[in-house]
Amino acid sequence: MIKFEGVGKVYPNGYQGLSNIHLEIQDGEFVGIIGTSGAGKSTLVRTINGLNDITSGKLVVNGIDVAKLRGKELRKFRRKVGMIFQSYNLVPRITVLRNVLTARVPDMSFFKVLFGLFSKEDKIKALEALDRMGILDKAYTRADQLSGGQQQRVSLARALAQDSDILLADEPVSALDPVTAKEVMDDLKRINEELGKTVLINIHHVELALQYAKRIIAIKKGKIVYDGPSASVTQEILDEVYRKENETGEAL
C-alpha cells in the first residue's frame, strides 16, 4: 500500500508542488494521474520512490516511511519501485540486454559491476523480461538502434527484471506516436493484470488515462481535485481540471 498523509512539497524557489495530499493506493491498482503541466503530477509520482523529497506530512510505501530513508537503505527501497521515464533512461551505446541487467546492479559488488560479471540467474531474469515485452530478438542490439516504442519496452523490461512491486510511469508515452503509445499502454495493462503489479502513470493523454486506468486522480495546483473510478469522470470534471485561471483564480 502507498499512503500519503498530509504530504506537501515546497521547492527551494518557494513553488508549492504538492499541498496537503491525503491518498491511499492499494496493491495491484492501475491509477492514472492527470492534470495540466505544472499541476504536480510528476512531483507526486517522484515522491513515491524518493526522487523528490517531501517537506511536510508522511509518505509510507509498503510500511516504509520514505522520508526517513538515506543512502543504502534508499537504494534498496528503490529496487522494489520501478520507474519508467519519458526519455527511457537507457544507455545508448550498450546492448538491450546490458541495459536490462543494470536493474541487478544494486545487488552486486563493485568488482562485479566494474567488469560486468552478471550471474546466470540475472541473465535469465533479464531475458525473460525481454521475452515478456516481446523484444527478446533485440537482446544483443544496441539500444540506440531501436525505435522509441522498443526503447520504452526495454525500460519496462528493466523494471520487471528488478522484481519491483510498484511501477511508476512518468509520461511514458508522450514522445510516442498514437499507435505505439497504445501498444505501450497495452503492455502496462498486461503487467498490471497478469503480474499484479501496482501501476501509477502520470499521463498527458486524458483519453488513454480513461481507457486504461481503473482509477483516476486529477491534480490542480498541487491539490487533488478528483479521485475516483475512471468511468465516473465527466466532462464537467475535466473542464474544471483543465480550466485556465488568472491570478485571482477566475476562469479565463
C-alpha atoms as a PDB file:
ATOM      1  CA  MET A   1       0.000   0.000   0.000  1.00  0.00           C
ATOM      2  CA  ILE A   2       1.009   3.590  -0.713  1.00  0.00           C
ATOM      3  CA  LYS A   3      -0.272   6.107   1.813  1.00  0.00           C
ATOM      4  CA  PHE A   4       0.052   9.903   1.719  1.00  0.00           C
ATOM      5  CA  GLU A   5      -0.817  11.640   4.976  1.00  0.00           C
ATOM      6  CA  GLY A   6      -0.971  15.410   4.573  1.00  0.00           C
ATOM      7  CA  VAL A   7       2.010  15.409   2.212  1.00  0.00           C
ATOM      8  CA  GLY A   8       3.369  18.715   0.995  1.00  0.00           C
ATOM      9  CA  LYS A   9       6.281  19.590  -1.263  1.00  0.00           C
ATOM     10  CA  VAL A  10       7.799  23.049  -1.490  1.00  0.00           C
ATOM     11  CA  TYR A  11      10.690  23.540  -3.919  1.00  0.00           C
ATOM     12  CA  PRO A  12      13.744  25.653  -2.975  1.00  0.00           C
ATOM     13  CA  ASN A  13      12.405  28.574  -5.044  1.00  0.00           C
ATOM     14  CA  GLY A  14       9.230  28.582  -2.937  1.00  0.00           C
ATOM     15  CA  TYR A  15       6.989  26.889  -5.501  1.00  0.00           C
ATOM     16  CA  GLN A  16       4.312  24.691  -3.897  1.00  0.00           C
ATOM     17  CA  GLY A  17       4.467  21.386  -5.784  1.00  0.00           C
ATOM     18  CA  LEU A  18       2.071  19.471  -3.544  1.00  0.00           C
ATOM     19  CA  SER A  19      -0.303  20.706  -0.866  1.00  0.00           C
ATOM     20  CA  ASN A  20      -1.816  18.567   1.915  1.00  0.00           C
ATOM     21  CA  ILE A  21      -2.151  15.351  -0.114  1.00  0.00           C
ATOM     22  CA  HIS A  22      -4.187  12.597   1.553  1.00  0.00           C
ATOM     23  CA  LEU A  23      -4.246   9.461  -0.567  1.00  0.00           C
ATOM     24  CA  GLU A  24      -4.214   5.668  -0.338  1.00  0.00           C
ATOM     25  CA  ILE A  25      -3.330   3.355  -3.220  1.00  0.00           C
ATOM     26  CA  GLN A  26      -3.910  -0.355  -2.723  1.00  0.00           C
ATOM     27  CA  ASP A  27      -1.724  -3.156  -4.051  1.00  0.00           C
ATOM     28  CA  GLY A  28      -2.488  -4.094  -7.650  1.00  0.00           C
ATOM     29  CA  GLU A  29      -4.284  -0.890  -8.625  1.00  0.00           C
ATOM     30  CA  PHE A  30      -3.867   0.795 -12.013  1.00  0.00           C
ATOM     31  CA  VAL A  31      -4.033   4.529 -11.366  1.00  0.00           C
ATOM     32  CA  GLY A  32      -3.889   7.318 -13.918  1.00  0.00           C
ATOM     33  CA  ILE A  33      -2.786  10.772 -12.756  1.00  0.00           C
ATOM     34  CA  ILE A  34      -3.979  13.667 -14.888  1.00  0.00           C
ATOM     35  CA  GLY A  35      -3.706  17.454 -14.825  1.00  0.00           C
ATOM     36  CA  THR A  36      -2.114  20.350 -16.655  1.00  0.00           C
ATOM     37  CA  SER A  37       1.642  20.877 -16.966  1.00  0.00           C
ATOM     38  CA  GLY A  38       2.988  22.063 -13.625  1.00  0.00           C
ATOM     39  CA  ALA A  39      -0.043  20.812 -11.691  1.00  0.00           C
ATOM     40  CA  GLY A  40       2.046  18.408  -9.603  1.00  0.00           C
ATOM     41  CA  LYS A  41       1.647  15.094 -11.429  1.00  0.00           C
ATOM     42  CA  SER A  42       5.354  14.323 -11.757  1.00  0.00           C
ATOM     43  CA  THR A  43       6.053  15.642  -8.271  1.00  0.00           C
ATOM     44  CA  LEU A  44       3.501  13.229  -6.816  1.00  0.00           C
ATOM     45  CA  VAL A  45       4.877  10.229  -8.692  1.00  0.00           C
ATOM     46  CA  ARG A  46       8.513  11.030  -7.874  1.00  0.00           C
ATOM     47  CA  THR A  47       7.907  11.350  -4.133  1.00  0.00           C
ATOM     48  CA  ILE A  48       6.904   7.672  -4.003  1.00  0.00           C
ATOM     49  CA  ASN A  49      10.439   6.444  -4.707  1.00  0.00           C
ATOM     50  CA  GLY A  50      12.194   9.367  -3.058  1.00  0.00           C
ATOM     51  CA  LEU A  51      13.356  11.117  -6.230  1.00  0.00           C
ATOM     52  CA  ASN A  52      11.543  14.128  -4.811  1.00  0.00           C
ATOM     53  CA  ASP A  53      11.680  14.560  -1.055  1.00  0.00           C
ATOM     54  CA  ILE A  54       8.633  15.794   0.841  1.00  0.00           C
ATOM     55  CA  THR A  55       8.681  18.866   3.056  1.00  0.00           C
ATOM     56  CA  SER A  56       5.651  18.077   5.222  1.00  0.00           C
ATOM     57  CA  GLY A  57       3.369  15.195   6.115  1.00  0.00           C
ATOM     58  CA  LYS A  58       4.165  11.494   5.909  1.00  0.00           C
ATOM     59  CA  LEU A  59       4.538   9.080   2.993  1.00  0.00           C
ATOM     60  CA  VAL A  60       4.504   5.347   3.704  1.00  0.00           C
ATOM     61  CA  VAL A  61       5.113   2.743   0.995  1.00  0.00           C
ATOM     62  CA  ASN A  62       4.610  -0.888   1.950  1.00  0.00           C
ATOM     63  CA  GLY A  63       5.112   0.004   5.594  1.00  0.00           C
ATOM     64  CA  ILE A  64       8.266   2.066   4.987  1.00  0.00           C
ATOM     65  CA  ASP A  65       8.472   5.759   5.857  1.00  0.00           C
ATOM     66  CA  VAL A  66      10.119   7.035   2.671  1.00  0.00           C
ATOM     67  CA  ALA A  67      11.253  10.368   4.133  1.00  0.00           C
ATOM     68  CA  LYS A  68      13.474   8.583   6.662  1.00  0.00           C
ATOM     69  CA  LEU A  69      15.439   6.614   4.069  1.00  0.00           C
ATOM     70  CA  ARG A  70      19.010   7.577   3.244  1.00  0.00           C
ATOM     71  CA  GLY A  71      21.926   6.146   1.270  1.00  0.00           C
ATOM     72  CA  LYS A  72      21.980   2.369   1.042  1.00  0.00           C
ATOM     73  CA  GLU A  73      18.515   1.991   2.581  1.00  0.00           C
ATOM     74  CA  LEU A  74      17.020   4.330  -0.011  1.00  0.00           C
ATOM     75  CA  ARG A  75      18.740   2.485  -2.871  1.00  0.00           C
ATOM     76  CA  LYS A  76      17.481  -0.840  -1.535  1.00  0.00           C
ATOM     77  CA  PHE A  77      13.951   0.539  -1.266  1.00  0.00           C
ATOM     78  CA  ARG A  78      14.026   1.775  -4.869  1.00  0.00           C
ATOM     79  CA  ARG A  79      14.712  -1.788  -6.006  1.00  0.00           C
ATOM     80  CA  LYS A  80      11.041  -2.502  -5.279  1.00  0.00           C
ATOM     81  CA  VAL A  81       9.760   0.595  -7.058  1.00  0.00           C
ATOM     82  CA  GLY A  82      10.369   0.507 -10.801  1.00  0.00           C
ATOM     83  CA  MET A  83      10.486   3.793 -12.691  1.00  0.00           C
ATOM     84  CA  ILE A  84       9.705   4.383 -16.354  1.00  0.00           C
ATOM     85  CA  PHE A  85      10.618   7.760 -17.833  1.00  0.00           C
ATOM     86  CA  GLN A  86       9.523   9.712 -20.881  1.00  0.00           C
ATOM     87  CA  SER A  87      13.128   9.723 -22.145  1.00  0.00           C
ATOM     88  CA  TYR A  88      13.596   5.940 -21.499  1.00  0.00           C
ATOM     89  CA  ASN A  89      16.807   6.494 -19.459  1.00  0.00           C
ATOM     90  CA  LEU A  90      18.754   3.840 -21.347  1.00  0.00           C
ATOM     91  CA  VAL A  91      22.489   3.750 -22.027  1.00  0.00           C
ATOM     92  CA  PRO A  92      22.508   4.218 -25.832  1.00  0.00           C
ATOM     93  CA  ARG A  93      25.803   2.537 -26.726  1.00  0.00           C
ATOM     94  CA  ILE A  94      25.315  -0.776 -24.914  1.00  0.00           C
ATOM     95  CA  THR A  95      23.084  -3.688 -25.782  1.00  0.00           C
ATOM     96  CA  VAL A  96      19.473  -4.040 -24.786  1.00  0.00           C
ATOM     97  CA  LEU A  97      20.376  -6.969 -22.540  1.00  0.00           C
ATOM     98  CA  ARG A  98      23.048  -4.964 -20.708  1.00  0.00           C
ATOM     99  CA  ASN A  99      20.547  -2.151 -20.189  1.00  0.00           C
ATOM    100  CA  VAL A 100      18.070  -4.537 -18.583  1.00  0.00           C
ATOM    101  CA  LEU A 101      20.825  -6.103 -16.489  1.00  0.00           C
ATOM    102  CA  THR A 102      21.535  -2.717 -14.897  1.00  0.00           C
ATOM    103  CA  ALA A 103      18.446  -3.438 -12.803  1.00  0.00           C
ATOM    104  CA  ARG A 104      20.509  -6.064 -10.958  1.00  0.00           C
ATOM    105  CA  VAL A 105      23.443  -3.728 -10.184  1.00  0.00           C
ATOM    106  CA  PRO A 106      22.307  -2.730  -6.646  1.00  0.00           C
ATOM    107  CA  ASP A 107      22.696  -6.370  -5.547  1.00  0.00           C
ATOM    108  CA  MET A 108      26.215  -6.735  -6.935  1.00  0.00           C
ATOM    109  CA  SER A 109      29.669  -5.957  -5.618  1.00  0.00           C
ATOM    110  CA  PHE A 110      31.669  -3.087  -7.110  1.00  0.00           C
ATOM    111  CA  PHE A 111      34.113  -5.548  -8.703  1.00  0.00           C
ATOM    112  CA  LYS A 112      31.354  -7.463 -10.488  1.00  0.00           C
ATOM    113  CA  VAL A 113      29.709  -4.266 -11.687  1.00  0.00           C
ATOM    114  CA  LEU A 114      33.031  -2.923 -12.961  1.00  0.00           C
ATOM    115  CA  PHE A 115      33.656  -5.985 -15.121  1.00  0.00           C
ATOM    116  CA  GLY A 116      30.037  -6.774 -15.981  1.00  0.00           C
ATOM    117  CA  LEU A 117      30.081 -10.120 -14.207  1.00  0.00           C
ATOM    118  CA  PHE A 118      26.370 -10.807 -14.097  1.00  0.00           C
ATOM    119  CA  SER A 119      25.209 -14.174 -12.820  1.00  0.00           C
ATOM    120  CA  LYS A 120      23.430 -16.746 -14.953  1.00  0.00           C
ATOM    121  CA  GLU A 121      20.316 -16.175 -12.860  1.00  0.00           C
ATOM    122  CA  ASP A 122      20.428 -12.432 -13.568  1.00  0.00           C
ATOM    123  CA  LYS A 123      20.814 -13.027 -17.299  1.00  0.00           C
ATOM    124  CA  ILE A 124      17.902 -15.466 -17.363  1.00  0.00           C
ATOM    125  CA  LYS A 125      15.713 -12.990 -15.480  1.00  0.00           C
ATOM    126  CA  ALA A 126      16.644 -10.212 -17.913  1.00  0.00           C
ATOM    127  CA  LEU A 127      15.963 -12.388 -20.957  1.00  0.00           C
ATOM    128  CA  GLU A 128      12.619 -13.482 -19.504  1.00  0.00           C
ATOM    129  CA  ALA A 129      11.668  -9.831 -19.008  1.00  0.00           C
ATOM    130  CA  LEU A 130      12.571  -9.026 -22.618  1.00  0.00           C
ATOM    131  CA  ASP A 131      10.571 -12.021 -23.791  1.00  0.00           C
ATOM    132  CA  ARG A 132       7.550 -10.839 -21.828  1.00  0.00           C
ATOM    133  CA  MET A 133       7.862  -7.457 -23.557  1.00  0.00           C
ATOM    134  CA  GLY A 134       8.094  -9.127 -26.971  1.00  0.00           C
ATOM    135  CA  ILE A 135      11.602  -7.894 -27.797  1.00  0.00           C
ATOM    136  CA  LEU A 136      13.770 -10.881 -26.948  1.00  0.00           C
ATOM    137  CA  ASP A 137      15.116 -10.814 -30.508  1.00  0.00           C
ATOM    138  CA  LYS A 138      16.637  -7.382 -29.764  1.00  0.00           C
ATOM    139  CA  ALA A 139      18.663  -8.569 -26.741  1.00  0.00           C
ATOM    140  CA  TYR A 140      22.035  -8.068 -28.430  1.00  0.00           C
ATOM    141  CA  THR A 141      21.097  -4.937 -30.375  1.00  0.00           C
ATOM    142  CA  ARG A 142      22.429  -1.580 -29.242  1.00  0.00           C
ATOM    143  CA  ALA A 143      19.741   0.486 -27.514  1.00  0.00           C
ATOM    144  CA  ASP A 144      20.232   3.492 -29.806  1.00  0.00           C
ATOM    145  CA  GLN A 145      19.296   1.351 -32.808  1.00  0.00           C
ATOM    146  CA  LEU A 146      15.747   0.766 -31.537  1.00  0.00           C
ATOM    147  CA  SER A 147      12.579   2.732 -32.200  1.00  0.00           C
ATOM    148  CA  GLY A 148      11.051   4.837 -29.434  1.00  0.00           C
ATOM    149  CA  GLY A 149       8.428   2.209 -28.675  1.00  0.00           C
ATOM    150  CA  GLN A 150      11.041  -0.536 -28.486  1.00  0.00           C
ATOM    151  CA  GLN A 151      13.205   1.556 -26.169  1.00  0.00           C
ATOM    152  CA  GLN A 152      10.247   2.108 -23.845  1.00  0.00           C
ATOM    153  CA  ARG A 153       9.671  -1.652 -23.793  1.00  0.00           C
ATOM    154  CA  VAL A 154      13.308  -2.095 -22.777  1.00  0.00           C
ATOM    155  CA  SER A 155      12.740   0.265 -19.841  1.00  0.00           C
ATOM    156  CA  LEU A 156       9.654  -1.782 -18.932  1.00  0.00           C
ATOM    157  CA  ALA A 157      11.698  -4.977 -19.076  1.00  0.00           C
ATOM    158  CA  ARG A 158      14.330  -3.373 -16.850  1.00  0.00           C
ATOM    159  CA  ALA A 159      11.658  -2.533 -14.263  1.00  0.00           C
ATOM    160  CA  LEU A 160      10.401  -6.127 -14.357  1.00  0.00           C
ATOM    161  CA  ALA A 161      13.926  -7.508 -14.009  1.00  0.00           C
ATOM    162  CA  GLN A 162      14.405  -5.669 -10.723  1.00  0.00           C
ATOM    163  CA  ASP A 163      11.422  -7.537  -9.212  1.00  0.00           C
ATOM    164  CA  SER A 164       9.612  -4.299  -8.421  1.00  0.00           C
ATOM    165  CA  ASP A 165       6.241  -4.420  -6.654  1.00  0.00           C
ATOM    166  CA  ILE A 166       5.283  -0.955  -7.874  1.00  0.00           C
ATOM    167  CA  LEU A 167       5.670   0.571 -11.329  1.00  0.00           C
ATOM    168  CA  LEU A 168       5.810   4.348 -11.638  1.00  0.00           C
ATOM    169  CA  ALA A 169       5.468   5.749 -15.145  1.00  0.00           C
ATOM    170  CA  ASP A 170       6.233   9.456 -15.675  1.00  0.00           C
ATOM    171  CA  GLU A 171       4.772  10.481 -19.054  1.00  0.00           C
ATOM    172  CA  PRO A 172       5.887   7.182 -20.668  1.00  0.00           C
ATOM    173  CA  VAL A 173       4.039   7.667 -23.960  1.00  0.00           C
ATOM    174  CA  SER A 174       4.200  11.420 -24.581  1.00  0.00           C
ATOM    175  CA  ALA A 175       7.120  11.052 -27.010  1.00  0.00           C
ATOM    176  CA  LEU A 176       5.473   8.234 -28.966  1.00  0.00           C
ATOM    177  CA  ASP A 177       3.079   8.227 -31.917  1.00  0.00           C
ATOM    178  CA  PRO A 178      -0.552   7.261 -31.141  1.00  0.00           C
ATOM    179  CA  VAL A 179      -0.266   3.648 -32.325  1.00  0.00           C
ATOM    180  CA  THR A 180       2.950   2.972 -30.391  1.00  0.00           C
ATOM    181  CA  ALA A 181       1.576   4.796 -27.326  1.00  0.00           C
ATOM    182  CA  LYS A 182      -1.397   2.440 -27.271  1.00  0.00           C
ATOM    183  CA  GLU A 183       0.912  -0.571 -27.562  1.00  0.00           C
ATOM    184  CA  VAL A 184       2.946   0.580 -24.548  1.00  0.00           C
ATOM    185  CA  MET A 185      -0.257   1.183 -22.586  1.00  0.00           C
ATOM    186  CA  ASP A 186      -1.334  -2.354 -23.504  1.00  0.00           C
ATOM    187  CA  ASP A 187       1.970  -3.591 -22.057  1.00  0.00           C
ATOM    188  CA  LEU A 188       1.393  -1.699 -18.803  1.00  0.00           C
ATOM    189  CA  LYS A 189      -2.142  -3.065 -18.540  1.00  0.00           C
ATOM    190  CA  ARG A 190      -0.878  -6.605 -19.101  1.00  0.00           C
ATOM    191  CA  ILE A 191       1.816  -6.188 -16.429  1.00  0.00           C
ATOM    192  CA  ASN A 192      -0.843  -4.936 -14.025  1.00  0.00           C
ATOM    193  CA  GLU A 193      -3.325  -7.711 -14.723  1.00  0.00           C
ATOM    194  CA  GLU A 194      -1.028 -10.702 -15.221  1.00  0.00           C
ATOM    195  CA  LEU A 195       1.633  -9.921 -12.612  1.00  0.00           C
ATOM    196  CA  GLY A 196      -0.470  -7.942 -10.142  1.00  0.00           C
ATOM    197  CA  LYS A 197       1.944  -5.002 -10.165  1.00  0.00           C
ATOM    198  CA  THR A 198       0.699  -1.677  -8.834  1.00  0.00           C
ATOM    199  CA  VAL A 199       0.869   0.832 -11.701  1.00  0.00           C
ATOM    200  CA  LEU A 200       0.784   4.620 -11.316  1.00  0.00           C
ATOM    201  CA  ILE A 201       1.010   6.546 -14.521  1.00  0.00           C
ATOM    202  CA  ASN A 202       1.347  10.302 -14.889  1.00  0.00           C
ATOM    203  CA  ILE A 203      -0.102  10.892 -18.315  1.00  0.00           C
ATOM    204  CA  HIS A 204      -0.846  13.880 -20.514  1.00  0.00           C
ATOM    205  CA  HIS A 205      -3.242  11.983 -22.801  1.00  0.00           C
ATOM    206  CA  VAL A 206      -6.556  12.027 -20.937  1.00  0.00           C
ATOM    207  CA  GLU A 207      -8.215   9.655 -23.389  1.00  0.00           C
ATOM    208  CA  LEU A 208      -5.591   6.974 -22.730  1.00  0.00           C
ATOM    209  CA  ALA A 209      -5.833   7.524 -18.978  1.00  0.00           C
ATOM    210  CA  LEU A 210      -9.595   6.996 -19.039  1.00  0.00           C
ATOM    211  CA  GLN A 211      -9.285   3.979 -21.324  1.00  0.00           C
ATOM    212  CA  TYR A 212      -6.651   2.085 -19.356  1.00  0.00           C
ATOM    213  CA  ALA A 213      -6.641   3.222 -15.728  1.00  0.00           C
ATOM    214  CA  LYS A 214      -9.386   1.944 -13.444  1.00  0.00           C
ATOM    215  CA  ARG A 215      -8.892   4.878 -11.065  1.00  0.00           C
ATOM    216  CA  ILE A 216      -8.190   8.495 -11.922  1.00  0.00           C
ATOM    217  CA  ILE A 217      -6.507  11.062  -9.687  1.00  0.00           C
ATOM    218  CA  ALA A 218      -6.733  14.617 -11.012  1.00  0.00           C
ATOM    219  CA  ILE A 219      -4.330  17.238  -9.656  1.00  0.00           C
ATOM    220  CA  LYS A 220      -4.604  21.004  -9.955  1.00  0.00           C
ATOM    221  CA  LYS A 221      -2.149  23.451  -8.397  1.00  0.00           C
ATOM    222  CA  GLY A 222      -0.692  20.705  -6.204  1.00  0.00           C
ATOM    223  CA  LYS A 223      -4.052  19.599  -4.815  1.00  0.00           C
ATOM    224  CA  ILE A 224      -6.227  16.580  -5.589  1.00  0.00           C
ATOM    225  CA  VAL A 225      -9.477  17.760  -7.193  1.00  0.00           C
ATOM    226  CA  TYR A 226     -10.809  14.343  -8.208  1.00  0.00           C
ATOM    227  CA  ASP A 227     -10.131  10.795  -7.038  1.00  0.00           C
ATOM    228  CA  GLY A 228     -12.399   8.019  -8.217  1.00  0.00           C
ATOM    229  CA  PRO A 229     -13.262   5.466 -10.906  1.00  0.00           C
ATOM    230  CA  SER A 230     -12.331   6.391 -14.457  1.00  0.00           C
ATOM    231  CA  ALA A 231     -15.883   5.515 -15.516  1.00  0.00           C
ATOM    232  CA  SER A 232     -17.209   8.311 -13.291  1.00  0.00           C
ATOM    233  CA  VAL A 233     -15.073  11.058 -14.837  1.00  0.00           C
ATOM    234  CA  THR A 234     -17.406  13.533 -16.539  1.00  0.00           C
ATOM    235  CA  GLN A 235     -16.731  16.325 -18.973  1.00  0.00           C
ATOM    236  CA  GLU A 236     -17.600  18.751 -16.186  1.00  0.00           C
ATOM    237  CA  ILE A 237     -14.781  17.326 -14.047  1.00  0.00           C
ATOM    238  CA  LEU A 238     -12.314  17.548 -16.938  1.00  0.00           C
ATOM    239  CA  ASP A 239     -13.369  21.129 -17.650  1.00  0.00           C
ATOM    240  CA  GLU A 240     -12.598  22.013 -14.015  1.00  0.00           C
ATOM    241  CA  VAL A 241      -9.223  20.226 -14.046  1.00  0.00           C
ATOM    242  CA  TYR A 242      -8.036  21.856 -17.268  1.00  0.00           C
ATOM    243  CA  ARG A 243      -9.695  25.259 -16.876  1.00  0.00           C
ATOM    244  CA  LYS A 244      -7.228  28.112 -17.139  1.00  0.00           C
ATOM    245  CA  GLU A 245      -7.437  30.795 -14.465  1.00  0.00           C
ATOM    246  CA  ASN A 246      -5.968  34.219 -13.925  1.00  0.00           C
ATOM    247  CA  GLU A 247      -4.024  35.226 -10.835  1.00  0.00           C
ATOM    248  CA  THR A 248      -7.237  35.792  -8.834  1.00  0.00           C
ATOM    249  CA  GLY A 249      -8.473  32.269  -9.586  1.00  0.00           C
ATOM    250  CA  GLU A 250     -11.157  33.394 -12.020  1.00  0.00           C
ATOM    251  CA  ALA A 251     -11.689  31.382 -15.207  1.00  0.00           C
ATOM    252  CA  LEU A 252     -10.295  32.914 -18.356  1.00  0.00           C
END
